[in-house]
Amino acid sequence: MKTALSLFFIGASLLIFFGYIAPSYEKVKELRTTFNQYDEALSKSKELQTLRDSLLSKYNTFSPTELARLSKMLPDSVDNVKLVLDIDNIAAQYGLRIRNVIIDTSDPKDKQTIAANTGPVGSVVVSFTIPASYPVFLQFLKNLEQSLRLVDITSVSFSTGTGELTEYKVALKTYWLR
């Protein structure tokens, strides 16, 4: 009888172990892994919040004037009208007016980049003609170079105009944050 009772308890303990304890233990291991993942995500979240707060405090140290200058240098979006007006205002300082403005957002060199939409910076090519004398045109280019807006002059060509004026065709590339 002792042997039968012992075998019964061993069998019952095996059934309880394999039927209840082992599956429950596996669930506990899965939950512990999930808990560790959440705990790690929470730690990273706290690090990111600290970094965000640090960057925000640095951002708040900039004056509104500095922020406006930075925004003009590398704007958040391409504003074609504002860009053309800025260039025209620079030309107006010398009594000039830009004409035949063409805006091309698909620079052939950047077609793959545009198609992939990679990178934080986008670009646009603006071309225009401007009638001016050579010394005044050089002053216009120098002023354009010193403006806050980030531009690369990609080409300049010219043709003879009327009188002392030469008609210059300028193409420039400007950038914005995507």
Protein backbone atom coordinates (compact mmCIF):
# COMPACT_ATOMS: atom_id res chain seq x y z
CA MET A 1 0.00 0.00 0.00
CA LYS A 2 2.86 2.36 0.76
CA THR A 3 4.33 1.75 -2.66
CA ALA A 4 1.02 2.38 -4.42
CA LEU A 5 0.46 5.54 -2.41
CA SER A 6 4.01 6.71 -3.19
CA LEU A 7 3.53 5.99 -6.91
CA PHE A 8 0.20 7.83 -6.80
CA PHE A 9 1.80 10.93 -5.28
CA ILE A 10 4.73 10.82 -7.72
CA GLY A 11 2.31 10.50 -10.65
CA ALA A 12 0.11 13.30 -9.29
CA SER A 13 3.14 15.54 -8.80
CA LEU A 14 4.32 14.83 -12.37
CA LEU A 15 0.85 15.64 -13.72
CA ILE A 16 0.70 18.86 -11.72
CA PHE A 17 4.23 19.80 -12.80
CA PHE A 18 3.78 19.14 -16.54
CA GLY A 19 0.11 20.14 -16.66
CA TYR A 20 0.22 23.37 -14.67
CA ILE A 21 3.61 24.46 -13.33
CA ALA A 22 5.71 24.11 -16.54
CA PRO A 23 3.25 26.05 -18.78
CA SER A 24 2.83 28.70 -16.08
CA TYR A 25 6.59 29.00 -15.71
CA GLU A 26 6.95 29.53 -19.49
CA LYS A 27 4.32 32.28 -19.35
CA VAL A 28 6.19 33.89 -16.45
CA LYS A 29 9.44 33.81 -18.49
CA GLU A 30 7.67 35.45 -21.47
CA LEU A 31 6.15 38.09 -19.21
CA ARG A 32 9.54 38.74 -17.61
CA THR A 33 11.09 39.25 -21.08
CA THR A 34 8.27 41.61 -22.04
CA PHE A 35 8.68 43.45 -18.74
CA ASN A 36 12.41 43.88 -19.40
CA GLN A 37 11.68 45.25 -22.89
CA TYR A 38 9.19 47.74 -21.48
CA ASP A 39 11.61 48.70 -18.73
CA GLU A 40 14.34 49.31 -21.33
CA ALA A 41 11.94 51.37 -23.47
CA LEU A 42 10.99 53.41 -20.41
CA SER A 43 14.67 54.06 -19.64
CA LYS A 44 15.29 55.19 -23.24
CA SER A 45 12.19 57.36 -23.05
CA LYS A 46 13.55 59.08 -19.95
CA GLU A 47 16.91 59.61 -21.70
CA LEU A 48 15.14 61.10 -24.72
CA GLN A 49 13.07 63.40 -22.50
CA THR A 50 16.25 64.60 -20.80
CA LEU A 51 17.89 65.20 -24.19
CA ARG A 52 14.76 66.98 -25.46
CA ASP A 53 14.67 69.21 -22.39
CA SER A 54 18.36 70.00 -22.80
CA LEU A 55 17.94 70.89 -26.48
CA LEU A 56 14.82 72.91 -25.74
CA SER A 57 16.66 74.93 -23.10
CA LYS A 58 19.47 75.59 -25.62
CA TYR A 59 16.89 76.56 -28.25
CA ASN A 60 15.26 78.99 -25.82
CA THR A 61 18.59 80.79 -25.34
CA PHE A 62 18.44 82.02 -28.96
CA SER A 63 16.92 85.42 -29.47
CA PRO A 64 13.95 85.77 -31.83
CA THR A 65 16.20 87.73 -34.21
CA GLU A 66 18.70 84.86 -34.36
CA LEU A 67 15.92 82.35 -34.93
CA ALA A 68 14.51 84.47 -37.76
CA ARG A 69 17.96 84.67 -39.37
CA LEU A 70 18.41 80.92 -39.06
CA SER A 71 14.97 80.32 -40.56
CA LYS A 72 15.82 82.61 -43.46
CA MET A 73 19.11 80.82 -44.08
CA LEU A 74 17.58 77.35 -44.19
CA PRO A 75 13.78 77.56 -44.16
CA ASP A 76 11.43 74.74 -43.13
CA SER A 77 9.77 74.66 -46.54
CA VAL A 78 10.36 75.94 -50.02
CA ASP A 79 8.48 79.20 -50.51
CA ASN A 80 9.05 80.04 -54.17
CA VAL A 81 7.28 83.39 -54.04
CA LYS A 82 9.25 84.58 -51.01
CA LEU A 83 12.50 83.38 -52.61
CA VAL A 84 11.83 85.29 -55.83
CA LEU A 85 10.83 88.38 -53.83
CA ASP A 86 14.06 88.18 -51.79
CA ILE A 87 16.14 87.99 -54.98
CA ASP A 88 14.13 90.81 -56.54
CA ASN A 89 14.62 92.97 -53.42
CA ILE A 90 18.39 92.47 -53.69
CA ALA A 91 18.22 93.47 -57.37
CA ALA A 92 16.06 96.50 -56.52
CA GLN A 93 18.87 97.89 -54.37
CA TYR A 94 20.73 98.49 -57.65
CA GLY A 95 17.71 99.66 -59.62
CA LEU A 96 17.36 96.27 -61.34
CA ARG A 97 14.42 93.94 -61.86
CA ILE A 98 14.63 90.21 -62.44
CA ARG A 99 12.65 88.74 -65.33
CA ASN A 100 11.77 85.38 -66.87
CA VAL A 101 11.85 83.51 -63.55
CA ILE A 102 11.79 79.72 -63.88
CA ILE A 103 11.59 77.47 -60.81
CA ASP A 104 12.59 73.85 -61.21
CA THR A 105 12.28 71.51 -58.21
CA SER A 106 13.64 68.52 -60.12
CA ASP A 107 17.36 69.12 -60.63
CA PRO A 108 18.55 66.37 -63.05
CA LYS A 109 21.54 65.64 -60.81
CA ASP A 110 19.20 65.06 -57.87
CA LYS A 111 16.52 62.96 -59.60
CA GLN A 112 17.51 59.79 -57.74
CA THR A 113 17.66 61.66 -54.44
CA ILE A 114 14.27 63.26 -55.06
CA ALA A 115 12.77 59.92 -56.11
CA ALA A 116 14.09 58.24 -52.97
CA ASN A 117 13.11 61.28 -50.87
CA THR A 118 16.19 60.79 -48.73
CA GLY A 119 18.06 63.32 -46.71
CA PRO A 120 16.89 66.13 -44.51
CA VAL A 121 17.56 68.87 -47.07
CA GLY A 122 15.66 69.56 -50.29
CA SER A 123 16.75 71.88 -53.10
CA VAL A 124 15.23 73.97 -55.84
CA VAL A 125 16.83 75.56 -58.91
CA VAL A 126 15.75 79.10 -59.78
CA SER A 127 16.80 80.72 -63.02
CA PHE A 128 16.11 84.29 -64.14
CA THR A 129 17.42 87.02 -66.40
CA ILE A 130 18.58 90.40 -65.24
CA PRO A 131 19.66 93.33 -67.44
CA ALA A 132 22.57 95.25 -65.91
CA SER A 133 25.97 96.73 -66.55
CA TYR A 134 28.87 94.50 -65.62
CA PRO A 135 29.96 96.42 -62.47
CA VAL A 136 26.39 96.59 -61.18
CA PHE A 137 25.88 92.89 -61.93
CA LEU A 138 29.01 92.04 -59.92
CA GLN A 139 27.67 94.09 -56.99
CA PHE A 140 24.32 92.27 -57.29
CA LEU A 141 26.09 88.88 -57.17
CA LYS A 142 28.18 89.96 -54.19
CA ASN A 143 25.06 91.09 -52.33
CA LEU A 144 23.31 87.82 -53.25
CA GLU A 145 26.32 85.93 -51.90
CA GLN A 146 26.22 87.86 -48.61
CA SER A 147 22.47 87.45 -48.11
CA LEU A 148 21.29 85.15 -45.36
CA ARG A 149 19.60 82.75 -47.79
CA LEU A 150 21.85 79.81 -48.61
CA VAL A 151 22.31 79.75 -52.42
CA ASP A 152 24.76 78.19 -54.88
CA ILE A 153 25.03 79.94 -58.23
CA THR A 154 25.14 77.06 -60.72
CA SER A 155 25.46 78.99 -63.97
CA VAL A 156 25.76 82.47 -65.42
CA SER A 157 25.47 83.30 -69.12
CA PHE A 158 25.03 86.58 -70.91
CA SER A 159 23.96 88.13 -74.16
CA THR A 160 24.34 91.67 -75.40
CA GLY A 161 21.43 93.88 -74.65
CA THR A 162 20.49 97.40 -75.55
CA GLY A 163 22.97 100.23 -74.91
CA GLU A 164 25.27 99.71 -71.94
CA LEU A 165 23.19 96.89 -70.44
CA THR A 166 23.98 93.23 -70.85
CA GLU A 167 21.32 90.62 -70.18
CA TYR A 168 22.59 88.00 -67.72
CA LYS A 169 20.92 84.65 -67.23
CA VAL A 170 21.55 83.33 -63.74
CA ALA A 171 20.69 79.90 -62.34
CA LEU A 172 21.02 79.27 -58.64
CA LYS A 173 20.23 76.44 -56.28
CA THR A 174 18.74 77.04 -52.85
CA TYR A 175 17.89 74.66 -50.04
CA TRP A 176 15.27 74.00 -47.39
CA LEU A 177 14.68 71.49 -44.60
CA ARG A 178 12.33 68.64 -45.49
